Each structure stands twice: as C-alpha cells, then as structure tokens.
Amino acid sequence: MSGHPLICNWPIFGPSLNGIILDSKTGIMKRFYTILVLLIGVITIKTSAQATNDPDAKKVLDGVSAKFKTYKTVKSTFTFKTESSAGKTLSSKNGSVWIKGSKYKVTIVGQEIFCDGVNVWNYDKSSNEVTITKFDNNSSSLTPQKMFTNFYDKDFLYKLNGEKKQGAKTIQEIELTPTDKTKTYHKVYLYIDKTGKTINTTKVIEKDQTKHSIIVNTFTPNGPIDDGQFVFDAKKYPGVEVVDNR
C-alpha cells in the first residue's frame, strides 16, 4: 500500500478489541491495530463537518473515503514502526491486511486475526493457541471496516497543513487533534497521495512524543480473495489449542 480501526470508546492504545487479546508485554499489537486502517489508506468521513474543522481537509478526507468505497477488496502490506522522542527506532515490524466486505485478515508479529463476518479467530504463534469469539458488528468494538465511518467528525478536529512533493507524488498532510484531552496521544498525522487519494503514511504522536507510524508498502484493490482466507483452518496449525469463547 503506497497508502485503515480504533478501539471501544476510543482508547487508542486499549487492551483488546472485538475479542482479540493484544500483546500486553510489548504493546505492539495494541498500537498497531489501533491505527491500522489509518495507514492502509482508506477512511470514510461523514459530510457533516464541525464548523471548527478545516473545509479543505474535509474535502481531502471525503475524496479518500469516496475512493475507498469503490473497492470490492483490498490487499495491503505495511511497516509498523515505533520511535522514541529522540527519533531512535524502538521497533519495526512488517504486516499485511486483507479486507472484503465485513471480512478481514490481519497478520503481524507472530499473530494472525481472521474474521468471516460471523466469527473472529485470534491466533498467537508463540503459544500455538487460537481464541474464537463472535463477531458483533453492532458492538462498540472497532474493526477495519468500522474505521471507514464518521469517527473523525465526532472525535477529532482536523486541518490541512499543506502539501509537498515526494518523488513523483504530491503528498498532502492532514493534522488531527483529539477532542478528548485525556487520550494518551495528542496528534495524528495523515500523509495522503493527492492523485491516488490513498494514505501513504499515518503517524500517531503520544504525549511523551513517542511516535507510531504505519508506512504503506503495497496497496492492491479489487483483486480476487477467496472467502476461505478469512476462516481459521485448524488443520494448518498442528497441535493448536482452541479457546472457544463464543
């Protein structure tokens, strides 16, 4: 992806979502899954923007949203990087995400997440364990698909900071500030390909200035994806322990 999730009630680095248990030791999955959709490069913004928001930024975001709605499927690869306030790289992990309607598959850091629109399977490679939960599209948990909704208008103020050339591309920078000042982060930056209307990079800045980025490496829309890809097949994981919480 040369250019999309947050968690219940918007705790951007929250402990779980939709039954998926995230890595409490490293926090990698916490941070990653929270901002994944922002970095895949597809978001949807409702048209009723607040008066305090920048109409130019809204126009850009609406364009990204409209473009995403034309896709039947998405396959994307990305790099998830965390940097200290001094700019030192603390971790860098590669991952992928596939989306088809209400179905999705996410792979990163020894973890695979499958959702067929009915069930969610969270597989942890280190323990060879899969946890199964029911998919609840009406819950407050955030999925890749729900990231394509109007949360920005309710939870962020946004503005267009300008644009710059990056190779042959023109990149637009949008700055988002959470309206809830109790959040652990204080800024989100989206870097959008002006012509392609996709997000190349998303950065989340915590209050201690730690930076989390998802850099889109490949982004392929409308390719064939068999529905079986969104279902966990235990036969492919010999000896897997199954924890069924449905």
C-alpha atoms as a PDB file:
ATOM      1  CA  MET A   1       0.000   0.000   0.000  1.00  0.00           C
ATOM      2  CA  SER A   2       1.762   3.150  -1.043  1.00  0.00           C
ATOM      3  CA  GLY A   3      -1.257   4.284   1.376  1.00  0.00           C
ATOM      4  CA  HIS A   4      -7.457   1.649   7.705  1.00  0.00           C
ATOM      5  CA  PRO A   5      -9.548   0.695  13.174  1.00  0.00           C
ATOM      6  CA  LEU A   6      -9.793   2.207  16.727  1.00  0.00           C
ATOM      7  CA  ILE A   7     -10.879   0.546  19.949  1.00  0.00           C
ATOM      8  CA  CYS A   8     -14.000   0.685  22.134  1.00  0.00           C
ATOM      9  CA  ASN A   9     -14.758   4.227  23.278  1.00  0.00           C
ATOM     10  CA  TRP A  10     -11.566   5.373  21.573  1.00  0.00           C
ATOM     11  CA  PRO A  11      -8.832   4.322  23.998  1.00  0.00           C
ATOM     12  CA  ILE A  12      -6.386   4.408  21.119  1.00  0.00           C
ATOM     13  CA  PHE A  13      -3.950   2.043  22.819  1.00  0.00           C
ATOM     14  CA  GLY A  14      -6.610  -0.051  24.510  1.00  0.00           C
ATOM     15  CA  PRO A  15      -6.119  -3.679  25.606  1.00  0.00           C
ATOM     16  CA  SER A  16      -8.453  -5.514  23.290  1.00  0.00           C
ATOM     17  CA  LEU A  17     -10.912  -5.252  20.501  1.00  0.00           C
ATOM     18  CA  ASN A  18     -13.716  -7.472  19.316  1.00  0.00           C
ATOM     19  CA  GLY A  19     -12.431 -10.367  21.392  1.00  0.00           C
ATOM     20  CA  ILE A  20      -8.850 -10.036  20.173  1.00  0.00           C
ATOM     21  CA  ILE A  21      -6.346 -10.231  23.015  1.00  0.00           C
ATOM     22  CA  LEU A  22      -3.429  -7.935  22.287  1.00  0.00           C
ATOM     23  CA  ASP A  23       0.207  -8.189  23.391  1.00  0.00           C
ATOM     24  CA  SER A  24       0.354  -6.815  26.944  1.00  0.00           C
ATOM     25  CA  LYS A  25       4.144  -7.154  27.142  1.00  0.00           C
ATOM     26  CA  THR A  26       5.272  -5.206  24.113  1.00  0.00           C
ATOM     27  CA  GLY A  27       2.140  -3.260  23.277  1.00  0.00           C
ATOM     28  CA  ILE A  28       2.942  -3.772  19.600  1.00  0.00           C
ATOM     29  CA  MET A  29      -0.460  -5.153  18.666  1.00  0.00           C
ATOM     30  CA  LYS A  30      -2.194  -2.576  20.837  1.00  0.00           C
ATOM     31  CA  ARG A  31      -0.609   0.266  18.961  1.00  0.00           C
ATOM     32  CA  PHE A  32      -0.684  -1.393  15.577  1.00  0.00           C
ATOM     33  CA  TYR A  33      -4.304  -2.492  15.406  1.00  0.00           C
ATOM     34  CA  THR A  34      -5.469   0.866  16.670  1.00  0.00           C
ATOM     35  CA  ILE A  35      -4.084   2.771  13.738  1.00  0.00           C
ATOM     36  CA  LEU A  36      -4.035   0.107  11.061  1.00  0.00           C
ATOM     37  CA  VAL A  37      -6.858   1.450   8.964  1.00  0.00           C
ATOM     38  CA  LEU A  38      -5.423   4.926   9.126  1.00  0.00           C
ATOM     39  CA  LEU A  39      -2.310   3.593   7.454  1.00  0.00           C
ATOM     40  CA  ILE A  40      -3.809   1.266   4.960  1.00  0.00           C
ATOM     41  CA  GLY A  41      -5.005   4.431   3.385  1.00  0.00           C
ATOM     42  CA  VAL A  42      -8.752   4.262   3.436  1.00  0.00           C
ATOM     43  CA  ILE A  43     -11.106   6.134   5.734  1.00  0.00           C
ATOM     44  CA  THR A  44     -14.614   7.498   5.485  1.00  0.00           C
ATOM     45  CA  ILE A  45     -15.676  10.841   6.837  1.00  0.00           C
ATOM     46  CA  LYS A  46     -19.285  11.866   7.284  1.00  0.00           C
ATOM     47  CA  THR A  47     -20.175  15.048   5.403  1.00  0.00           C
ATOM     48  CA  SER A  48     -21.479  16.972   8.425  1.00  0.00           C
ATOM     49  CA  ALA A  49     -18.176  18.523   9.459  1.00  0.00           C
ATOM     50  CA  GLN A  50     -17.968  20.735  12.522  1.00  0.00           C
ATOM     51  CA  ALA A  51     -17.531  24.460  11.964  1.00  0.00           C
ATOM     52  CA  THR A  52     -14.155  24.356  13.694  1.00  0.00           C
ATOM     53  CA  ASN A  53     -12.785  21.873  11.154  1.00  0.00           C
ATOM     54  CA  ASP A  54     -10.880  22.892   8.037  1.00  0.00           C
ATOM     55  CA  PRO A  55     -13.127  22.529   4.951  1.00  0.00           C
ATOM     56  CA  ASP A  56     -10.066  21.927   2.763  1.00  0.00           C
ATOM     57  CA  ALA A  57      -9.059  18.995   4.976  1.00  0.00           C
ATOM     58  CA  LYS A  58     -12.593  17.644   4.829  1.00  0.00           C
ATOM     59  CA  LYS A  59     -12.549  17.782   1.051  1.00  0.00           C
ATOM     60  CA  VAL A  60      -9.382  15.671   1.012  1.00  0.00           C
ATOM     61  CA  LEU A  61     -10.778  13.158   3.518  1.00  0.00           C
ATOM     62  CA  ASP A  62     -14.064  12.876   1.638  1.00  0.00           C
ATOM     63  CA  GLY A  63     -12.079  12.128  -1.517  1.00  0.00           C
ATOM     64  CA  VAL A  64     -10.203   9.317   0.228  1.00  0.00           C
ATOM     65  CA  SER A  65     -13.498   7.967   1.547  1.00  0.00           C
ATOM     66  CA  ALA A  66     -15.215   8.035  -1.832  1.00  0.00           C
ATOM     67  CA  LYS A  67     -12.284   6.273  -3.467  1.00  0.00           C
ATOM     68  CA  PHE A  68     -12.271   3.508  -0.854  1.00  0.00           C
ATOM     69  CA  LYS A  69     -15.982   2.853  -1.342  1.00  0.00           C
ATOM     70  CA  THR A  70     -15.278   1.812  -4.934  1.00  0.00           C
ATOM     71  CA  TYR A  71     -13.104  -1.120  -3.812  1.00  0.00           C
ATOM     72  CA  LYS A  72     -14.592  -4.624  -3.582  1.00  0.00           C
ATOM     73  CA  THR A  73     -11.437  -5.985  -1.898  1.00  0.00           C
ATOM     74  CA  VAL A  74      -8.142  -4.643  -0.572  1.00  0.00           C
ATOM     75  CA  LYS A  75      -4.785  -6.352  -0.072  1.00  0.00           C
ATOM     76  CA  SER A  76      -2.103  -4.280   1.615  1.00  0.00           C
ATOM     77  CA  THR A  77       1.326  -4.697   3.171  1.00  0.00           C
ATOM     78  CA  PHE A  78       2.834  -2.229   5.594  1.00  0.00           C
ATOM     79  CA  THR A  79       5.610  -1.486   8.058  1.00  0.00           C
ATOM     80  CA  PHE A  80       4.682  -0.580  11.639  1.00  0.00           C
ATOM     81  CA  LYS A  81       7.418   1.456  13.306  1.00  0.00           C
ATOM     82  CA  THR A  82       7.784   2.941  16.795  1.00  0.00           C
ATOM     83  CA  GLU A  83      10.279   5.719  17.505  1.00  0.00           C
ATOM     84  CA  SER A  84      11.379   7.394  20.733  1.00  0.00           C
ATOM     85  CA  SER A  85      11.025  11.133  21.299  1.00  0.00           C
ATOM     86  CA  ALA A  86      14.671  11.428  20.214  1.00  0.00           C
ATOM     87  CA  GLY A  87      13.926   9.722  16.905  1.00  0.00           C
ATOM     88  CA  LYS A  88      15.502   6.347  17.747  1.00  0.00           C
ATOM     89  CA  THR A  89      13.738   3.361  16.195  1.00  0.00           C
ATOM     90  CA  LEU A  90      12.431   1.151  19.017  1.00  0.00           C
ATOM     91  CA  SER A  91      10.743  -1.462  16.817  1.00  0.00           C
ATOM     92  CA  SER A  92       9.913  -2.071  13.176  1.00  0.00           C
ATOM     93  CA  LYS A  93       7.542  -4.844  12.088  1.00  0.00           C
ATOM     94  CA  ASN A  94       6.058  -5.811   8.740  1.00  0.00           C
ATOM     95  CA  GLY A  95       2.470  -6.939   8.308  1.00  0.00           C
ATOM     96  CA  SER A  96      -0.430  -7.358   5.922  1.00  0.00           C
ATOM     97  CA  VAL A  97      -4.175  -6.863   5.873  1.00  0.00           C
ATOM     98  CA  TRP A  98      -6.871  -8.211   3.555  1.00  0.00           C
ATOM     99  CA  ILE A  99     -10.398  -6.790   3.508  1.00  0.00           C
ATOM    100  CA  LYS A 100     -13.538  -7.980   1.701  1.00  0.00           C
ATOM    101  CA  GLY A 101     -16.866  -6.568   2.828  1.00  0.00           C
ATOM    102  CA  SER A 102     -17.252  -7.405   6.533  1.00  0.00           C
ATOM    103  CA  LYS A 103     -14.445  -9.968   6.317  1.00  0.00           C
ATOM    104  CA  TYR A 104     -10.798  -9.288   7.121  1.00  0.00           C
ATOM    105  CA  LYS A 105      -7.469 -10.926   7.848  1.00  0.00           C
ATOM    106  CA  VAL A 106      -4.574  -9.227   9.644  1.00  0.00           C
ATOM    107  CA  THR A 107      -1.078 -10.681  10.024  1.00  0.00           C
ATOM    108  CA  ILE A 108       1.703  -9.108  12.115  1.00  0.00           C
ATOM    109  CA  VAL A 109       4.265 -10.010  14.790  1.00  0.00           C
ATOM    110  CA  GLY A 110       3.522 -13.738  15.074  1.00  0.00           C
ATOM    111  CA  GLN A 111      -0.213 -13.124  15.198  1.00  0.00           C
ATOM    112  CA  GLU A 112      -2.986 -13.761  12.701  1.00  0.00           C
ATOM    113  CA  ILE A 113      -6.533 -12.439  13.011  1.00  0.00           C
ATOM    114  CA  PHE A 114      -9.297 -13.905  10.855  1.00  0.00           C
ATOM    115  CA  CYS A 115     -12.891 -12.665  10.575  1.00  0.00           C
ATOM    116  CA  ASP A 116     -15.504 -14.143   8.239  1.00  0.00           C
ATOM    117  CA  GLY A 117     -18.206 -11.689   9.292  1.00  0.00           C
ATOM    118  CA  VAL A 118     -19.601 -14.232  11.803  1.00  0.00           C
ATOM    119  CA  ASN A 119     -16.650 -15.303  13.963  1.00  0.00           C
ATOM    120  CA  VAL A 120     -13.255 -13.835  14.865  1.00  0.00           C
ATOM    121  CA  TRP A 121     -10.206 -16.079  15.322  1.00  0.00           C
ATOM    122  CA  ASN A 122      -7.117 -14.657  17.022  1.00  0.00           C
ATOM    123  CA  TYR A 123      -4.114 -16.962  16.554  1.00  0.00           C
ATOM    124  CA  ASP A 124      -0.965 -16.477  18.640  1.00  0.00           C
ATOM    125  CA  LYS A 125       2.012 -18.277  17.110  1.00  0.00           C
ATOM    126  CA  SER A 126       4.194 -18.224  20.246  1.00  0.00           C
ATOM    127  CA  SER A 127       1.644 -20.248  22.251  1.00  0.00           C
ATOM    128  CA  ASN A 128       0.084 -22.058  19.262  1.00  0.00           C
ATOM    129  CA  GLU A 129      -3.325 -21.004  20.574  1.00  0.00           C
ATOM    130  CA  VAL A 130      -6.375 -19.634  18.817  1.00  0.00           C
ATOM    131  CA  THR A 131      -9.178 -17.776  20.595  1.00  0.00           C
ATOM    132  CA  ILE A 132     -12.597 -17.688  18.934  1.00  0.00           C
ATOM    133  CA  THR A 133     -15.225 -15.023  19.591  1.00  0.00           C
ATOM    134  CA  LYS A 134     -18.459 -13.996  17.909  1.00  0.00           C
ATOM    135  CA  PHE A 135     -18.227 -11.081  15.522  1.00  0.00           C
ATOM    136  CA  ASP A 136     -20.598  -8.356  16.709  1.00  0.00           C
ATOM    137  CA  ASN A 137     -20.939  -5.657  14.092  1.00  0.00           C
ATOM    138  CA  ASN A 138     -23.255  -3.696  16.399  1.00  0.00           C
ATOM    139  CA  SER A 139     -20.812  -3.549  19.301  1.00  0.00           C
ATOM    140  CA  SER A 140     -18.598  -0.577  20.091  1.00  0.00           C
ATOM    141  CA  SER A 141     -15.517  -2.586  19.148  1.00  0.00           C
ATOM    142  CA  LEU A 142     -13.721  -1.292  16.097  1.00  0.00           C
ATOM    143  CA  THR A 143     -12.904  -3.417  13.062  1.00  0.00           C
ATOM    144  CA  PRO A 144     -11.105  -2.443   9.862  1.00  0.00           C
ATOM    145  CA  GLN A 145     -14.478  -1.822   8.230  1.00  0.00           C
ATOM    146  CA  LYS A 146     -15.724   0.437  11.027  1.00  0.00           C
ATOM    147  CA  MET A 147     -12.706   2.623  10.561  1.00  0.00           C
ATOM    148  CA  PHE A 148     -14.359   3.747   7.360  1.00  0.00           C
ATOM    149  CA  THR A 149     -17.007   5.710   9.264  1.00  0.00           C
ATOM    150  CA  ASN A 150     -17.507   9.177  10.699  1.00  0.00           C
ATOM    151  CA  PHE A 151     -15.394   8.962  13.856  1.00  0.00           C
ATOM    152  CA  TYR A 152     -13.242  11.927  12.840  1.00  0.00           C
ATOM    153  CA  ASP A 153     -16.113  14.359  12.913  1.00  0.00           C
ATOM    154  CA  LYS A 154     -17.020  13.279  16.435  1.00  0.00           C
ATOM    155  CA  ASP A 155     -13.612  12.696  17.978  1.00  0.00           C
ATOM    156  CA  PHE A 156     -11.121  14.903  16.139  1.00  0.00           C
ATOM    157  CA  LEU A 157     -10.544  18.398  14.879  1.00  0.00           C
ATOM    158  CA  TYR A 158      -8.657  18.337  11.599  1.00  0.00           C
ATOM    159  CA  LYS A 159      -6.846  20.721   9.283  1.00  0.00           C
ATOM    160  CA  LEU A 160      -4.830  20.609   6.080  1.00  0.00           C
ATOM    161  CA  ASN A 161      -1.229  21.645   6.757  1.00  0.00           C
ATOM    162  CA  GLY A 162      -0.241  21.858   3.108  1.00  0.00           C
ATOM    163  CA  GLU A 163       1.382  19.629   0.526  1.00  0.00           C
ATOM    164  CA  LYS A 164       4.853  18.726  -0.721  1.00  0.00           C
ATOM    165  CA  LYS A 165       6.483  16.696  -3.455  1.00  0.00           C
ATOM    166  CA  GLN A 166       7.710  13.208  -2.592  1.00  0.00           C
ATOM    167  CA  GLY A 167       9.314  11.805  -5.695  1.00  0.00           C
ATOM    168  CA  ALA A 168       6.695  11.939  -8.420  1.00  0.00           C
ATOM    169  CA  LYS A 169       3.841  12.212  -5.922  1.00  0.00           C
ATOM    170  CA  THR A 170       2.221  15.210  -4.268  1.00  0.00           C
ATOM    171  CA  ILE A 171       1.623  14.393  -0.600  1.00  0.00           C
ATOM    172  CA  GLN A 172      -0.968  16.250   1.489  1.00  0.00           C
ATOM    173  CA  GLU A 173      -0.559  16.427   5.272  1.00  0.00           C
ATOM    174  CA  ILE A 174      -3.655  16.429   7.461  1.00  0.00           C
ATOM    175  CA  GLU A 175      -3.308  17.050  11.194  1.00  0.00           C
ATOM    176  CA  LEU A 176      -5.905  15.613  13.570  1.00  0.00           C
ATOM    177  CA  THR A 177      -6.256  16.639  17.209  1.00  0.00           C
ATOM    178  CA  PRO A 178      -8.434  14.548  19.549  1.00  0.00           C
ATOM    179  CA  THR A 179     -11.215  16.474  21.243  1.00  0.00           C
ATOM    180  CA  ASP A 180     -10.837  14.280  24.334  1.00  0.00           C
ATOM    181  CA  LYS A 181      -7.725  15.615  26.065  1.00  0.00           C
ATOM    182  CA  THR A 182      -7.490  12.577  28.366  1.00  0.00           C
ATOM    183  CA  LYS A 183      -6.182  10.440  25.495  1.00  0.00           C
ATOM    184  CA  THR A 184      -2.596   9.201  25.716  1.00  0.00           C
ATOM    185  CA  TYR A 185      -1.889  10.653  22.275  1.00  0.00           C
ATOM    186  CA  HIS A 186      -2.291  14.251  21.197  1.00  0.00           C
ATOM    187  CA  LYS A 187      -1.807  14.286  17.414  1.00  0.00           C
ATOM    188  CA  VAL A 188      -2.446  12.090  14.393  1.00  0.00           C
ATOM    189  CA  TYR A 189      -0.958  12.945  11.011  1.00  0.00           C
ATOM    190  CA  LEU A 190      -2.190  11.516   7.713  1.00  0.00           C
ATOM    191  CA  TYR A 191       0.026  11.747   4.629  1.00  0.00           C
ATOM    192  CA  ILE A 192      -2.180  11.352   1.577  1.00  0.00           C
ATOM    193  CA  ASP A 193      -1.297  10.806  -2.079  1.00  0.00           C
ATOM    194  CA  LYS A 194      -3.179  13.687  -3.709  1.00  0.00           C
ATOM    195  CA  THR A 195      -3.669  11.948  -7.051  1.00  0.00           C
ATOM    196  CA  GLY A 196      -4.249   8.406  -5.823  1.00  0.00           C
ATOM    197  CA  LYS A 197      -6.405   9.523  -2.862  1.00  0.00           C
ATOM    198  CA  THR A 198      -4.787   6.943  -0.579  1.00  0.00           C
ATOM    199  CA  ILE A 199      -2.914   7.337   2.695  1.00  0.00           C
ATOM    200  CA  ASN A 200       0.807   6.658   2.326  1.00  0.00           C
ATOM    201  CA  THR A 201       1.709   7.031   5.997  1.00  0.00           C
ATOM    202  CA  THR A 202      -0.051   7.648   9.291  1.00  0.00           C
ATOM    203  CA  LYS A 203       1.719   8.873  12.416  1.00  0.00           C
ATOM    204  CA  VAL A 204       0.326   8.860  15.956  1.00  0.00           C
ATOM    205  CA  ILE A 205       2.174  11.093  18.432  1.00  0.00           C
ATOM    206  CA  GLU A 206       1.828  10.241  22.116  1.00  0.00           C
ATOM    207  CA  LYS A 207       2.011  12.918  24.796  1.00  0.00           C
ATOM    208  CA  ASP A 208       5.547  11.788  25.681  1.00  0.00           C
ATOM    209  CA  GLN A 209       6.441  12.335  21.976  1.00  0.00           C
ATOM    210  CA  THR A 210       6.776   8.629  21.183  1.00  0.00           C
ATOM    211  CA  LYS A 211       5.827   8.184  17.518  1.00  0.00           C
ATOM    212  CA  HIS A 212       3.998   5.230  15.946  1.00  0.00           C
ATOM    213  CA  SER A 213       3.879   5.025  12.161  1.00  0.00           C
ATOM    214  CA  ILE A 214       2.351   2.706   9.620  1.00  0.00           C
ATOM    215  CA  ILE A 215       4.028   3.045   6.256  1.00  0.00           C
ATOM    216  CA  VAL A 216       2.078   1.563   3.384  1.00  0.00           C
ATOM    217  CA  ASN A 217       4.329  -0.560   1.198  1.00  0.00           C
ATOM    218  CA  THR A 218       1.829  -2.063  -1.239  1.00  0.00           C
ATOM    219  CA  PHE A 219      -1.866  -1.432  -1.808  1.00  0.00           C
ATOM    220  CA  THR A 220      -3.822  -3.611  -4.245  1.00  0.00           C
ATOM    221  CA  PRO A 221      -7.585  -3.084  -4.615  1.00  0.00           C
ATOM    222  CA  ASN A 222     -10.148  -5.315  -6.319  1.00  0.00           C
ATOM    223  CA  GLY A 223      -8.001  -8.435  -6.517  1.00  0.00           C
ATOM    224  CA  PRO A 224      -9.548 -11.890  -6.067  1.00  0.00           C
ATOM    225  CA  ILE A 225      -9.696 -13.132  -2.458  1.00  0.00           C
ATOM    226  CA  ASP A 226     -11.353 -16.462  -1.697  1.00  0.00           C
ATOM    227  CA  ASP A 227     -13.713 -16.323   1.298  1.00  0.00           C
ATOM    228  CA  GLY A 228     -11.824 -19.245   2.830  1.00  0.00           C
ATOM    229  CA  GLN A 229      -8.912 -16.906   3.521  1.00  0.00           C
ATOM    230  CA  PHE A 230     -10.968 -15.277   6.275  1.00  0.00           C
ATOM    231  CA  VAL A 231     -11.587 -18.526   8.198  1.00  0.00           C
ATOM    232  CA  PHE A 232      -9.064 -20.118  10.569  1.00  0.00           C
ATOM    233  CA  ASP A 233      -8.257 -23.649   9.379  1.00  0.00           C
ATOM    234  CA  ALA A 234      -7.033 -25.654  12.391  1.00  0.00           C
ATOM    235  CA  LYS A 235      -5.648 -28.381  10.106  1.00  0.00           C
ATOM    236  CA  LYS A 236      -2.927 -25.963   9.013  1.00  0.00           C
ATOM    237  CA  TYR A 237      -1.793 -25.474  12.639  1.00  0.00           C
ATOM    238  CA  PRO A 238      -0.895 -28.910  14.072  1.00  0.00           C
ATOM    239  CA  GLY A 239      -1.446 -29.181  17.818  1.00  0.00           C
ATOM    240  CA  VAL A 240      -3.170 -25.815  18.078  1.00  0.00           C
ATOM    241  CA  GLU A 241      -5.058 -25.213  21.333  1.00  0.00           C
ATOM    242  CA  VAL A 242      -8.552 -23.848  20.732  1.00  0.00           C
ATOM    243  CA  VAL A 243     -10.214 -21.490  23.221  1.00  0.00           C
ATOM    244  CA  ASP A 244     -13.829 -21.055  22.131  1.00  0.00           C
ATOM    245  CA  ASN A 245     -15.445 -18.019  23.770  1.00  0.00           C
ATOM    246  CA  ARG A 246     -18.485 -17.861  21.518  1.00  0.00           C
END
